[in-house]
């Protein structure tokens, strides 16, 4: 059955960045739906922005870390209990510089470095199942060259 509004439907397109330093993952604590949750630095793709640029921008805005993207981890589709659909593009990155004076995005409490074990133990605080799935794939070695992501202008 097709509804009139179906032709206007589109998922929320988001990016997330797996940043690793000394065996720890860069995570953010943020307020979402009345809870304090954990997520990768992540956010929505903006109009006329490439996925790569969005990943770098969101990481800086949410964690105050400038990063260099190194690999593409994967694309993930998820339907939240609210009925919203998300399409997440995840990237691996290495930290370059940190600007402690930079104000973090609204809702972000702090950036925190966690071991994979600490993150896994805190699974009840993950913002969504995407958080661990992306890390799990990264830890399993699932990575592709950045050239796997194409931007046509």
C-alpha atoms as a PDB file:
ATOM      1  CA  UNK A   1       0.000   0.000   0.000  1.00  0.00           C
ATOM      2  CA  UNK A   2       1.391   3.393  -0.958  1.00  0.00           C
ATOM      3  CA  UNK A   3       0.564   6.582   0.886  1.00  0.00           C
ATOM      4  CA  UNK A   4       0.606  10.060  -0.582  1.00  0.00           C
ATOM      5  CA  UNK A   5       3.400  11.146   1.771  1.00  0.00           C
ATOM      6  CA  UNK A   6       5.622   8.147   0.926  1.00  0.00           C
ATOM      7  CA  UNK A   7       7.081   9.960  -2.047  1.00  0.00           C
ATOM      8  CA  UNK A   8       8.470  12.569   0.369  1.00  0.00           C
ATOM      9  CA  UNK A   9       9.902  10.074   2.845  1.00  0.00           C
ATOM     10  CA  UNK A  10      13.622  10.066   3.415  1.00  0.00           C
ATOM     11  CA  UNK A  11      15.776   8.682   6.228  1.00  0.00           C
ATOM     12  CA  UNK A  12      17.856  10.872   8.517  1.00  0.00           C
ATOM     13  CA  UNK A  13      21.351  10.764   7.038  1.00  0.00           C
ATOM     14  CA  UNK A  14      24.018  10.830   9.714  1.00  0.00           C
ATOM     15  CA  UNK A  15      27.763  10.422  10.030  1.00  0.00           C
ATOM     16  CA  UNK A  16      29.796   9.010  12.924  1.00  0.00           C
ATOM     17  CA  UNK A  17      33.513   8.906  13.577  1.00  0.00           C
ATOM     18  CA  UNK A  18      35.539   6.220  15.340  1.00  0.00           C
ATOM     19  CA  UNK A  19      38.575   8.020  16.746  1.00  0.00           C
ATOM     20  CA  UNK A  20      41.175   5.890  18.529  1.00  0.00           C
ATOM     21  CA  UNK A  21      44.064   7.081  20.693  1.00  0.00           C
ATOM     22  CA  UNK A  22      46.196   4.795  22.856  1.00  0.00           C
ATOM     23  CA  UNK A  23      43.638   1.997  22.549  1.00  0.00           C
ATOM     24  CA  UNK A  24      40.735   4.196  23.665  1.00  0.00           C
ATOM     25  CA  UNK A  25      37.723   5.396  21.687  1.00  0.00           C
ATOM     26  CA  UNK A  26      36.581   9.006  21.604  1.00  0.00           C
ATOM     27  CA  UNK A  27      32.970   9.088  22.781  1.00  0.00           C
ATOM     28  CA  UNK A  28      30.586  11.854  23.718  1.00  0.00           C
ATOM     29  CA  UNK A  29      28.137  11.985  26.586  1.00  0.00           C
ATOM     30  CA  UNK A  30      24.989  13.765  25.516  1.00  0.00           C
ATOM     31  CA  UNK A  31      21.433  14.407  26.615  1.00  0.00           C
ATOM     32  CA  UNK A  32      18.923  12.627  24.390  1.00  0.00           C
ATOM     33  CA  UNK A  33      15.291  11.813  25.106  1.00  0.00           C
ATOM     34  CA  UNK A  34      15.695  12.658  28.792  1.00  0.00           C
ATOM     35  CA  UNK A  35      18.734  10.447  29.334  1.00  0.00           C
ATOM     36  CA  UNK A  36      22.509  10.902  29.472  1.00  0.00           C
ATOM     37  CA  UNK A  37      23.755   8.625  26.690  1.00  0.00           C
ATOM     38  CA  UNK A  38      26.986   7.660  24.953  1.00  0.00           C
ATOM     39  CA  UNK A  39      27.601   8.043  21.245  1.00  0.00           C
ATOM     40  CA  UNK A  40      30.425   8.479  18.814  1.00  0.00           C
ATOM     41  CA  UNK A  41      30.904  12.040  17.655  1.00  0.00           C
ATOM     42  CA  UNK A  42      28.036  11.973  15.185  1.00  0.00           C
ATOM     43  CA  UNK A  43      25.394  14.096  13.560  1.00  0.00           C
ATOM     44  CA  UNK A  44      23.346  14.965  10.522  1.00  0.00           C
ATOM     45  CA  UNK A  45      24.575  15.641   7.039  1.00  0.00           C
ATOM     46  CA  UNK A  46      23.912  19.258   6.073  1.00  0.00           C
ATOM     47  CA  UNK A  47      22.777  20.459   2.615  1.00  0.00           C
ATOM     48  CA  UNK A  48      25.579  20.606   0.027  1.00  0.00           C
ATOM     49  CA  UNK A  49      28.034  18.940   2.429  1.00  0.00           C
ATOM     50  CA  UNK A  50      30.031  15.819   1.633  1.00  0.00           C
ATOM     51  CA  UNK A  51      29.861  12.858   3.997  1.00  0.00           C
ATOM     52  CA  UNK A  52      33.599  13.237   4.669  1.00  0.00           C
ATOM     53  CA  UNK A  53      33.301  16.934   5.508  1.00  0.00           C
ATOM     54  CA  UNK A  54      30.294  16.220   7.741  1.00  0.00           C
ATOM     55  CA  UNK A  55      32.236  13.605   9.715  1.00  0.00           C
ATOM     56  CA  UNK A  56      35.130  16.001  10.358  1.00  0.00           C
ATOM     57  CA  UNK A  57      32.761  18.875  11.237  1.00  0.00           C
ATOM     58  CA  UNK A  58      30.576  16.840  13.593  1.00  0.00           C
ATOM     59  CA  UNK A  59      33.619  15.445  15.393  1.00  0.00           C
ATOM     60  CA  UNK A  60      34.949  18.945  16.003  1.00  0.00           C
ATOM     61  CA  UNK A  61      31.563  20.345  17.071  1.00  0.00           C
ATOM     62  CA  UNK A  62      30.816  17.516  19.490  1.00  0.00           C
ATOM     63  CA  UNK A  63      34.249  16.754  20.931  1.00  0.00           C
ATOM     64  CA  UNK A  64      36.519  19.764  20.166  1.00  0.00           C
ATOM     65  CA  UNK A  65      38.869  17.371  18.358  1.00  0.00           C
ATOM     66  CA  UNK A  66      40.107  18.040  14.847  1.00  0.00           C
ATOM     67  CA  UNK A  67      40.595  14.681  13.145  1.00  0.00           C
ATOM     68  CA  UNK A  68      41.980  13.233   9.944  1.00  0.00           C
ATOM     69  CA  UNK A  69      39.723  10.621   8.370  1.00  0.00           C
ATOM     70  CA  UNK A  70      41.614   7.454   7.487  1.00  0.00           C
ATOM     71  CA  UNK A  71      39.045   4.853   6.409  1.00  0.00           C
ATOM     72  CA  UNK A  72      35.376   4.177   5.759  1.00  0.00           C
ATOM     73  CA  UNK A  73      33.930   1.663   8.238  1.00  0.00           C
ATOM     74  CA  UNK A  74      30.503   1.150   6.710  1.00  0.00           C
ATOM     75  CA  UNK A  75      26.932   2.233   6.112  1.00  0.00           C
ATOM     76  CA  UNK A  76      24.224   1.285   8.608  1.00  0.00           C
ATOM     77  CA  UNK A  77      20.443   1.413   8.415  1.00  0.00           C
ATOM     78  CA  UNK A  78      18.325   1.468  11.571  1.00  0.00           C
ATOM     79  CA  UNK A  79      14.687   2.137  12.431  1.00  0.00           C
ATOM     80  CA  UNK A  80      14.210   3.628  15.901  1.00  0.00           C
ATOM     81  CA  UNK A  81      11.270   2.792  18.139  1.00  0.00           C
ATOM     82  CA  UNK A  82       9.941   6.250  17.302  1.00  0.00           C
ATOM     83  CA  UNK A  83       9.551   5.130  13.697  1.00  0.00           C
ATOM     84  CA  UNK A  84      12.350   7.381  12.407  1.00  0.00           C
ATOM     85  CA  UNK A  85      14.751   5.773   9.975  1.00  0.00           C
ATOM     86  CA  UNK A  86      18.476   6.468  10.128  1.00  0.00           C
ATOM     87  CA  UNK A  87      21.180   5.894   7.562  1.00  0.00           C
ATOM     88  CA  UNK A  88      24.593   6.248   9.240  1.00  0.00           C
ATOM     89  CA  UNK A  89      27.927   6.461   7.480  1.00  0.00           C
ATOM     90  CA  UNK A  90      30.804   5.631   9.825  1.00  0.00           C
ATOM     91  CA  UNK A  91      34.439   6.616   9.410  1.00  0.00           C
ATOM     92  CA  UNK A  92      37.692   5.838  11.191  1.00  0.00           C
ATOM     93  CA  UNK A  93      39.890   8.804  12.063  1.00  0.00           C
ATOM     94  CA  UNK A  94      42.985   9.745  13.959  1.00  0.00           C
ATOM     95  CA  UNK A  95      43.090  12.689  16.353  1.00  0.00           C
ATOM     96  CA  UNK A  96      45.094  15.719  15.213  1.00  0.00           C
ATOM     97  CA  UNK A  97      44.498  18.558  17.699  1.00  0.00           C
ATOM     98  CA  UNK A  98      42.197  19.373  20.607  1.00  0.00           C
ATOM     99  CA  UNK A  99      40.772  22.824  21.343  1.00  0.00           C
ATOM    100  CA  UNK A 100      39.709  22.815  25.012  1.00  0.00           C
ATOM    101  CA  UNK A 101      38.299  26.347  24.636  1.00  0.00           C
ATOM    102  CA  UNK A 102      35.808  25.329  21.939  1.00  0.00           C
ATOM    103  CA  UNK A 103      32.181  25.191  23.099  1.00  0.00           C
ATOM    104  CA  UNK A 104      30.593  21.811  22.395  1.00  0.00           C
ATOM    105  CA  UNK A 105      27.275  21.410  20.554  1.00  0.00           C
ATOM    106  CA  UNK A 106      24.060  21.868  22.498  1.00  0.00           C
ATOM    107  CA  UNK A 107      23.214  18.729  24.441  1.00  0.00           C
ATOM    108  CA  UNK A 108      26.797  17.470  24.560  1.00  0.00           C
ATOM    109  CA  UNK A 109      28.042  17.222  28.157  1.00  0.00           C
ATOM    110  CA  UNK A 110      31.610  16.148  27.450  1.00  0.00           C
ATOM    111  CA  UNK A 111      33.929  14.114  25.300  1.00  0.00           C
ATOM    112  CA  UNK A 112      35.444  11.087  26.998  1.00  0.00           C
ATOM    113  CA  UNK A 113      38.020   8.457  26.020  1.00  0.00           C
ATOM    114  CA  UNK A 114      36.879   4.887  26.765  1.00  0.00           C
ATOM    115  CA  UNK A 115      38.347   1.457  26.197  1.00  0.00           C
ATOM    116  CA  UNK A 116      36.195  -0.829  24.053  1.00  0.00           C
ATOM    117  CA  UNK A 117      35.527  -2.891  27.195  1.00  0.00           C
ATOM    118  CA  UNK A 118      34.301   0.173  29.119  1.00  0.00           C
ATOM    119  CA  UNK A 119      32.036   1.104  26.235  1.00  0.00           C
ATOM    120  CA  UNK A 120      30.630  -2.395  25.937  1.00  0.00           C
ATOM    121  CA  UNK A 121      29.953  -2.555  29.682  1.00  0.00           C
ATOM    122  CA  UNK A 122      28.009   0.714  29.395  1.00  0.00           C
ATOM    123  CA  UNK A 123      25.703  -0.712  26.684  1.00  0.00           C
ATOM    124  CA  UNK A 124      22.562   0.408  28.537  1.00  0.00           C
ATOM    125  CA  UNK A 125      23.725   4.006  27.999  1.00  0.00           C
ATOM    126  CA  UNK A 126      24.340   3.713  24.241  1.00  0.00           C
ATOM    127  CA  UNK A 127      22.241   6.187  22.290  1.00  0.00           C
ATOM    128  CA  UNK A 128      21.295   3.465  19.816  1.00  0.00           C
ATOM    129  CA  UNK A 129      22.378  -0.033  18.725  1.00  0.00           C
ATOM    130  CA  UNK A 130      24.446   1.710  16.036  1.00  0.00           C
ATOM    131  CA  UNK A 131      26.997   2.792  18.664  1.00  0.00           C
ATOM    132  CA  UNK A 132      28.297  -0.682  19.433  1.00  0.00           C
ATOM    133  CA  UNK A 133      27.731  -2.143  15.949  1.00  0.00           C
ATOM    134  CA  UNK A 134      30.031   0.460  14.395  1.00  0.00           C
ATOM    135  CA  UNK A 135      32.702  -0.129  17.056  1.00  0.00           C
ATOM    136  CA  UNK A 136      32.322  -3.896  16.726  1.00  0.00           C
ATOM    137  CA  UNK A 137      32.873  -3.689  12.966  1.00  0.00           C
ATOM    138  CA  UNK A 138      35.864  -1.375  13.418  1.00  0.00           C
ATOM    139  CA  UNK A 139      37.454  -3.715  15.977  1.00  0.00           C
ATOM    140  CA  UNK A 140      36.859  -6.671  13.629  1.00  0.00           C
ATOM    141  CA  UNK A 141      38.926  -4.865  10.985  1.00  0.00           C
ATOM    142  CA  UNK A 142      36.037  -3.841   8.748  1.00  0.00           C
ATOM    143  CA  UNK A 143      37.495  -0.846   6.973  1.00  0.00           C
ATOM    144  CA  UNK A 144      37.530   0.387   3.415  1.00  0.00           C
ATOM    145  CA  UNK A 145      39.468   3.133   1.639  1.00  0.00           C
ATOM    146  CA  UNK A 146      37.911   6.584   1.760  1.00  0.00           C
ATOM    147  CA  UNK A 147      37.637   6.346  -2.020  1.00  0.00           C
ATOM    148  CA  UNK A 148      34.725   3.943  -1.406  1.00  0.00           C
ATOM    149  CA  UNK A 149      32.689   7.068  -0.623  1.00  0.00           C
ATOM    150  CA  UNK A 150      32.079   9.169  -3.701  1.00  0.00           C
ATOM    151  CA  UNK A 151      30.807  12.721  -3.989  1.00  0.00           C
ATOM    152  CA  UNK A 152      29.539  13.728  -7.387  1.00  0.00           C
ATOM    153  CA  UNK A 153      29.197  17.448  -7.966  1.00  0.00           C
END
